[in-house]
Amino acid sequence: MSETVYGFDAARFRAARTAAGMSVARIARAARVSERAVSLYLAGSRTPRPGVLVLLAEAVGVGPGDLCAVERESLAQLRVFTGRSRAAMARELGMAEATYRELETTGIRGRLASSRYSYRQERWVPWQEWAPPKFGVTADRLATAEQHAREEHQAEREKRWQHLRKADPAFAARIEELGRLGRALRER
């Protein structure tokens, strides 16, 4: 089962199944899972792994994103819609899994992901050109997902900071003071 919460929606899966007129047995054969697993997905008791999500969507004639309900698409959803695990997406992008995990959870690209040299084209190719096909989306959709990941990460950091302020105000004050000192030193 995927650790990533990517918005699988059992009601959408049930509706797609009904529209396709597919039996549980046929879906199970097409997705290469047991009938029990399909029943659990339909009931919302289990969330399919990314690779299985893609097969379920193909079985009922929709895209993987059509079986999910997300308000704001992030990199995790785009990865899952390709059917890849984090490790597989990292390999596809040619980066270490830890580097990809950081990108997916923060939306911040490191220097290594910003561009790639193409010997075939004899030039540096920016992320906006080489990465979207790996996710199967447009450059704009990928940029939007990155922005959503950054915003979610920033909101989580702010939430943790507010919790720290309430839990240990003296420690939070020391951290703020260290931040002010660091900024003052950089300005020198």
C-alpha atoms as a PDB file:
ATOM      1  CA  MET A   1       0.000   0.000   0.000  1.00  0.00           C
ATOM      2  CA  SER A   2       1.261   3.486  -0.807  1.00  0.00           C
ATOM      3  CA  GLU A   3       2.351   5.734   2.027  1.00  0.00           C
ATOM      4  CA  THR A   4       1.358   8.752  -0.021  1.00  0.00           C
ATOM      5  CA  VAL A   5      -2.101  10.150   0.468  1.00  0.00           C
ATOM      6  CA  TYR A   6      -3.059  10.802  -3.123  1.00  0.00           C
ATOM      7  CA  GLY A   7      -6.837  11.007  -2.944  1.00  0.00           C
ATOM      8  CA  PHE A   8      -8.119   7.640  -4.162  1.00  0.00           C
ATOM      9  CA  ASP A   9     -11.912   7.960  -4.092  1.00  0.00           C
ATOM     10  CA  ALA A  10     -13.921   4.737  -3.827  1.00  0.00           C
ATOM     11  CA  ALA A  11     -17.114   6.507  -4.947  1.00  0.00           C
ATOM     12  CA  ARG A  12     -15.430   7.587  -8.194  1.00  0.00           C
ATOM     13  CA  PHE A  13     -14.162   4.050  -8.700  1.00  0.00           C
ATOM     14  CA  ARG A  14     -17.680   2.657  -8.162  1.00  0.00           C
ATOM     15  CA  ALA A  15     -19.125   5.190 -10.627  1.00  0.00           C
ATOM     16  CA  ALA A  16     -16.467   4.353 -13.247  1.00  0.00           C
ATOM     17  CA  ARG A  17     -17.113   0.646 -12.758  1.00  0.00           C
ATOM     18  CA  THR A  18     -20.858   1.149 -13.228  1.00  0.00           C
ATOM     19  CA  ALA A  19     -20.332   3.317 -16.330  1.00  0.00           C
ATOM     20  CA  ALA A  20     -18.009   0.689 -17.817  1.00  0.00           C
ATOM     21  CA  GLY A  21     -20.376  -2.171 -16.903  1.00  0.00           C
ATOM     22  CA  MET A  22     -17.455  -4.169 -15.503  1.00  0.00           C
ATOM     23  CA  SER A  23     -17.783  -7.003 -13.020  1.00  0.00           C
ATOM     24  CA  VAL A  24     -15.489  -7.267 -10.026  1.00  0.00           C
ATOM     25  CA  ALA A  25     -14.006 -10.420 -11.546  1.00  0.00           C
ATOM     26  CA  ARG A  26     -13.159  -8.714 -14.866  1.00  0.00           C
ATOM     27  CA  ILE A  27     -11.594  -5.728 -13.094  1.00  0.00           C
ATOM     28  CA  ALA A  28      -9.566  -8.069 -10.895  1.00  0.00           C
ATOM     29  CA  ARG A  29      -8.250  -9.969 -13.922  1.00  0.00           C
ATOM     30  CA  ALA A  30      -7.393  -6.764 -15.779  1.00  0.00           C
ATOM     31  CA  ALA A  31      -5.659  -5.211 -12.756  1.00  0.00           C
ATOM     32  CA  ARG A  32      -3.952  -8.474 -11.796  1.00  0.00           C
ATOM     33  CA  VAL A  33      -5.297  -8.377  -8.240  1.00  0.00           C
ATOM     34  CA  SER A  34      -7.728 -10.542  -6.325  1.00  0.00           C
ATOM     35  CA  GLU A  35     -11.467 -10.026  -6.428  1.00  0.00           C
ATOM     36  CA  ARG A  36     -11.304  -9.396  -2.680  1.00  0.00           C
ATOM     37  CA  ALA A  37      -8.837  -6.544  -3.257  1.00  0.00           C
ATOM     38  CA  VAL A  38     -11.152  -4.971  -5.856  1.00  0.00           C
ATOM     39  CA  SER A  39     -14.061  -5.302  -3.422  1.00  0.00           C
ATOM     40  CA  LEU A  40     -12.024  -3.574  -0.722  1.00  0.00           C
ATOM     41  CA  TYR A  41     -11.112  -0.757  -3.125  1.00  0.00           C
ATOM     42  CA  LEU A  42     -14.780  -0.379  -4.095  1.00  0.00           C
ATOM     43  CA  ALA A  43     -15.777  -0.260  -0.423  1.00  0.00           C
ATOM     44  CA  GLY A  44     -13.091   2.302   0.372  1.00  0.00           C
ATOM     45  CA  SER A  45     -11.477  -0.023   2.912  1.00  0.00           C
ATOM     46  CA  ARG A  46      -8.179  -0.163   1.041  1.00  0.00           C
ATOM     47  CA  THR A  47      -6.185   2.198  -1.151  1.00  0.00           C
ATOM     48  CA  PRO A  48      -4.462   0.709  -4.199  1.00  0.00           C
ATOM     49  CA  ARG A  49      -0.729   1.094  -4.742  1.00  0.00           C
ATOM     50  CA  PRO A  50       0.205   3.462  -7.610  1.00  0.00           C
ATOM     51  CA  GLY A  51       0.806   0.660 -10.121  1.00  0.00           C
ATOM     52  CA  VAL A  52      -2.508  -0.975  -9.270  1.00  0.00           C
ATOM     53  CA  LEU A  53      -4.335   2.372  -9.502  1.00  0.00           C
ATOM     54  CA  VAL A  54      -3.197   2.698 -13.120  1.00  0.00           C
ATOM     55  CA  LEU A  55      -4.394  -0.842 -13.926  1.00  0.00           C
ATOM     56  CA  LEU A  56      -7.753  -0.264 -12.208  1.00  0.00           C
ATOM     57  CA  ALA A  57      -8.246   2.937 -14.190  1.00  0.00           C
ATOM     58  CA  GLU A  58      -7.391   1.181 -17.462  1.00  0.00           C
ATOM     59  CA  ALA A  59      -9.797  -1.631 -16.600  1.00  0.00           C
ATOM     60  CA  VAL A  60     -12.735   0.756 -16.242  1.00  0.00           C
ATOM     61  CA  GLY A  61     -11.657   3.018 -19.105  1.00  0.00           C
ATOM     62  CA  VAL A  62     -10.625   6.180 -17.262  1.00  0.00           C
ATOM     63  CA  GLY A  63      -7.386   7.898 -16.282  1.00  0.00           C
ATOM     64  CA  PRO A  64      -5.860   7.347 -12.825  1.00  0.00           C
ATOM     65  CA  GLY A  65      -6.666  10.936 -11.866  1.00  0.00           C
ATOM     66  CA  ASP A  66     -10.350  10.241 -12.568  1.00  0.00           C
ATOM     67  CA  LEU A  67     -10.374   7.775  -9.661  1.00  0.00           C
ATOM     68  CA  CYS A  68      -9.002  10.360  -7.251  1.00  0.00           C
ATOM     69  CA  ALA A  69     -10.397  13.432  -5.581  1.00  0.00           C
ATOM     70  CA  VAL A  70      -7.815  16.113  -4.914  1.00  0.00           C
ATOM     71  CA  GLU A  71      -8.373  19.815  -4.608  1.00  0.00           C
ATOM     72  CA  ARG A  72      -4.818  20.785  -5.453  1.00  0.00           C
ATOM     73  CA  GLU A  73      -2.576  18.435  -7.387  1.00  0.00           C
ATOM     74  CA  SER A  74       0.914  18.051  -5.961  1.00  0.00           C
ATOM     75  CA  LEU A  75       3.950  16.156  -7.199  1.00  0.00           C
ATOM     76  CA  ALA A  76       2.887  13.109  -5.193  1.00  0.00           C
ATOM     77  CA  GLN A  77      -0.381  12.853  -7.125  1.00  0.00           C
ATOM     78  CA  LEU A  78       1.332  13.306 -10.479  1.00  0.00           C
ATOM     79  CA  ARG A  79       3.787  10.537  -9.582  1.00  0.00           C
ATOM     80  CA  VAL A  80       1.027   8.197  -8.445  1.00  0.00           C
ATOM     81  CA  PHE A  81      -0.945   8.860 -11.638  1.00  0.00           C
ATOM     82  CA  THR A  82       2.044   7.498 -13.597  1.00  0.00           C
ATOM     83  CA  GLY A  83       1.865   4.309 -11.521  1.00  0.00           C
ATOM     84  CA  ARG A  84       5.332   4.802 -10.065  1.00  0.00           C
ATOM     85  CA  SER A  85       6.613   4.475  -6.537  1.00  0.00           C
ATOM     86  CA  ARG A  86       8.941   7.178  -5.201  1.00  0.00           C
ATOM     87  CA  ALA A  87      11.924   4.947  -5.918  1.00  0.00           C
ATOM     88  CA  ALA A  88      10.769   4.309  -9.489  1.00  0.00           C
ATOM     89  CA  MET A  89      10.142   8.013 -10.135  1.00  0.00           C
ATOM     90  CA  ALA A  90      13.575   8.868  -8.734  1.00  0.00           C
ATOM     91  CA  ARG A  91      15.128   6.365 -11.155  1.00  0.00           C
ATOM     92  CA  GLU A  92      13.069   7.766 -14.036  1.00  0.00           C
ATOM     93  CA  LEU A  93      14.296  11.278 -13.214  1.00  0.00           C
ATOM     94  CA  GLY A  94      17.868  10.081 -12.729  1.00  0.00           C
ATOM     95  CA  MET A  95      18.190  11.198  -9.122  1.00  0.00           C
ATOM     96  CA  ALA A  96      18.672   9.626  -5.730  1.00  0.00           C
ATOM     97  CA  GLU A  97      15.498   8.569  -3.972  1.00  0.00           C
ATOM     98  CA  ALA A  98      16.228  10.911  -1.049  1.00  0.00           C
ATOM     99  CA  THR A  99      16.637  13.814  -3.486  1.00  0.00           C
ATOM    100  CA  TYR A 100      13.328  13.002  -5.153  1.00  0.00           C
ATOM    101  CA  ARG A 101      11.579  12.599  -1.783  1.00  0.00           C
ATOM    102  CA  GLU A 102      12.784  16.090  -0.837  1.00  0.00           C
ATOM    103  CA  LEU A 103      11.493  17.488  -4.143  1.00  0.00           C
ATOM    104  CA  GLU A 104       8.119  15.784  -3.770  1.00  0.00           C
ATOM    105  CA  THR A 105       7.561  16.831  -0.162  1.00  0.00           C
ATOM    106  CA  THR A 106       8.907  20.401  -0.359  1.00  0.00           C
ATOM    107  CA  GLY A 107       8.425  21.316  -4.020  1.00  0.00           C
ATOM    108  CA  ILE A 108      11.961  22.688  -3.992  1.00  0.00           C
ATOM    109  CA  ARG A 109      14.241  21.554  -6.781  1.00  0.00           C
ATOM    110  CA  GLY A 110      17.881  21.245  -6.032  1.00  0.00           C
ATOM    111  CA  ARG A 111      20.634  22.309  -8.382  1.00  0.00           C
ATOM    112  CA  LEU A 112      20.771  18.804  -9.887  1.00  0.00           C
ATOM    113  CA  ALA A 113      17.147  18.859 -10.976  1.00  0.00           C
ATOM    114  CA  SER A 114      17.180  22.344 -12.501  1.00  0.00           C
ATOM    115  CA  SER A 115      18.673  21.344 -15.832  1.00  0.00           C
ATOM    116  CA  ARG A 116      20.280  18.428 -17.662  1.00  0.00           C
ATOM    117  CA  TYR A 117      22.851  18.402 -20.388  1.00  0.00           C
ATOM    118  CA  SER A 118      21.628  16.744 -23.563  1.00  0.00           C
ATOM    119  CA  TYR A 119      24.473  15.413 -25.690  1.00  0.00           C
ATOM    120  CA  ARG A 120      22.018  14.765 -28.491  1.00  0.00           C
ATOM    121  CA  GLN A 121      20.903  18.422 -28.506  1.00  0.00           C
ATOM    122  CA  GLU A 122      24.309  19.713 -27.364  1.00  0.00           C
ATOM    123  CA  ARG A 123      22.775  22.073 -24.819  1.00  0.00           C
ATOM    124  CA  TRP A 124      21.524  22.334 -21.262  1.00  0.00           C
ATOM    125  CA  VAL A 125      17.843  21.452 -21.122  1.00  0.00           C
ATOM    126  CA  PRO A 126      15.825  23.148 -18.346  1.00  0.00           C
ATOM    127  CA  TRP A 127      13.612  21.181 -15.943  1.00  0.00           C
ATOM    128  CA  GLN A 128      10.500  22.658 -17.579  1.00  0.00           C
ATOM    129  CA  GLU A 129      11.429  20.809 -20.801  1.00  0.00           C
ATOM    130  CA  TRP A 130      12.814  17.459 -19.665  1.00  0.00           C
ATOM    131  CA  ALA A 131      10.732  16.668 -16.560  1.00  0.00           C
ATOM    132  CA  PRO A 132       7.075  17.055 -17.687  1.00  0.00           C
ATOM    133  CA  PRO A 133       7.173  14.020 -20.023  1.00  0.00           C
ATOM    134  CA  LYS A 134       8.445  11.898 -17.116  1.00  0.00           C
ATOM    135  CA  PHE A 135       5.282  12.821 -15.192  1.00  0.00           C
ATOM    136  CA  GLY A 136       3.096  12.624 -18.314  1.00  0.00           C
ATOM    137  CA  VAL A 137       1.884  16.219 -17.953  1.00  0.00           C
ATOM    138  CA  THR A 138       2.428  19.674 -19.416  1.00  0.00           C
ATOM    139  CA  ALA A 139       5.081  22.050 -18.077  1.00  0.00           C
ATOM    140  CA  ASP A 140       2.345  24.298 -16.634  1.00  0.00           C
ATOM    141  CA  ARG A 141       0.672  21.429 -14.796  1.00  0.00           C
ATOM    142  CA  LEU A 142       4.026  20.312 -13.366  1.00  0.00           C
ATOM    143  CA  ALA A 143       4.859  23.881 -12.271  1.00  0.00           C
ATOM    144  CA  THR A 144       1.476  24.178 -10.576  1.00  0.00           C
ATOM    145  CA  ALA A 145       1.996  20.862  -8.756  1.00  0.00           C
ATOM    146  CA  GLU A 146       5.420  22.036  -7.593  1.00  0.00           C
ATOM    147  CA  GLN A 147       3.890  25.271  -6.319  1.00  0.00           C
ATOM    148  CA  HIS A 148       1.213  23.342  -4.435  1.00  0.00           C
ATOM    149  CA  ALA A 149       3.882  21.120  -2.859  1.00  0.00           C
ATOM    150  CA  ARG A 150       5.833  24.235  -1.766  1.00  0.00           C
ATOM    151  CA  GLU A 151       2.707  25.809  -0.286  1.00  0.00           C
ATOM    152  CA  GLU A 152       1.757  22.620   1.576  1.00  0.00           C
ATOM    153  CA  HIS A 153       5.310  22.318   2.927  1.00  0.00           C
ATOM    154  CA  GLN A 154       5.335  25.965   4.059  1.00  0.00           C
ATOM    155  CA  ALA A 155       1.935  25.554   5.749  1.00  0.00           C
ATOM    156  CA  GLU A 156       3.189  22.444   7.571  1.00  0.00           C
ATOM    157  CA  ARG A 157       6.331  24.265   8.715  1.00  0.00           C
ATOM    158  CA  GLU A 158       4.226  27.175   9.985  1.00  0.00           C
ATOM    159  CA  LYS A 159       1.912  24.778  11.822  1.00  0.00           C
ATOM    160  CA  ARG A 160       4.901  23.107  13.540  1.00  0.00           C
ATOM    161  CA  TRP A 161       6.367  26.519  14.422  1.00  0.00           C
ATOM    162  CA  GLN A 162       3.081  27.665  15.990  1.00  0.00           C
ATOM    163  CA  HIS A 163       2.946  24.433  17.977  1.00  0.00           C
ATOM    164  CA  LEU A 164       6.516  25.019  19.217  1.00  0.00           C
ATOM    165  CA  ARG A 165       5.658  28.592  20.197  1.00  0.00           C
ATOM    166  CA  LYS A 166       2.795  27.329  22.347  1.00  0.00           C
ATOM    167  CA  ALA A 167       4.654  24.338  23.774  1.00  0.00           C
ATOM    168  CA  ASP A 168       7.928  26.102  24.668  1.00  0.00           C
ATOM    169  CA  PRO A 169       7.786  29.908  24.287  1.00  0.00           C
ATOM    170  CA  ALA A 170      11.272  30.411  25.763  1.00  0.00           C
ATOM    171  CA  PHE A 171      12.862  28.015  23.265  1.00  0.00           C
ATOM    172  CA  ALA A 172      10.944  29.641  20.389  1.00  0.00           C
ATOM    173  CA  ALA A 173      12.194  33.067  21.510  1.00  0.00           C
ATOM    174  CA  ARG A 174      15.779  31.776  21.490  1.00  0.00           C
ATOM    175  CA  ILE A 175      15.337  30.404  17.984  1.00  0.00           C
ATOM    176  CA  GLU A 176      13.922  33.744  16.775  1.00  0.00           C
ATOM    177  CA  GLU A 177      16.871  35.590  18.351  1.00  0.00           C
ATOM    178  CA  LEU A 178      19.348  33.254  16.641  1.00  0.00           C
ATOM    179  CA  GLY A 179      17.580  33.935  13.352  1.00  0.00           C
ATOM    180  CA  ARG A 180      17.895  37.694  13.859  1.00  0.00           C
ATOM    181  CA  LEU A 181      21.603  37.313  14.698  1.00  0.00           C
ATOM    182  CA  GLY A 182      22.174  35.187  11.597  1.00  0.00           C
ATOM    183  CA  ARG A 183      20.460  37.734   9.342  1.00  0.00           C
ATOM    184  CA  ALA A 184      22.514  40.555  10.909  1.00  0.00           C
ATOM    185  CA  LEU A 185      25.748  38.653  10.270  1.00  0.00           C
ATOM    186  CA  ARG A 186      24.824  38.005   6.645  1.00  0.00           C
ATOM    187  CA  GLU A 187      24.105  41.718   6.122  1.00  0.00           C
ATOM    188  CA  ARG A 188      27.591  42.730   7.281  1.00  0.00           C
END
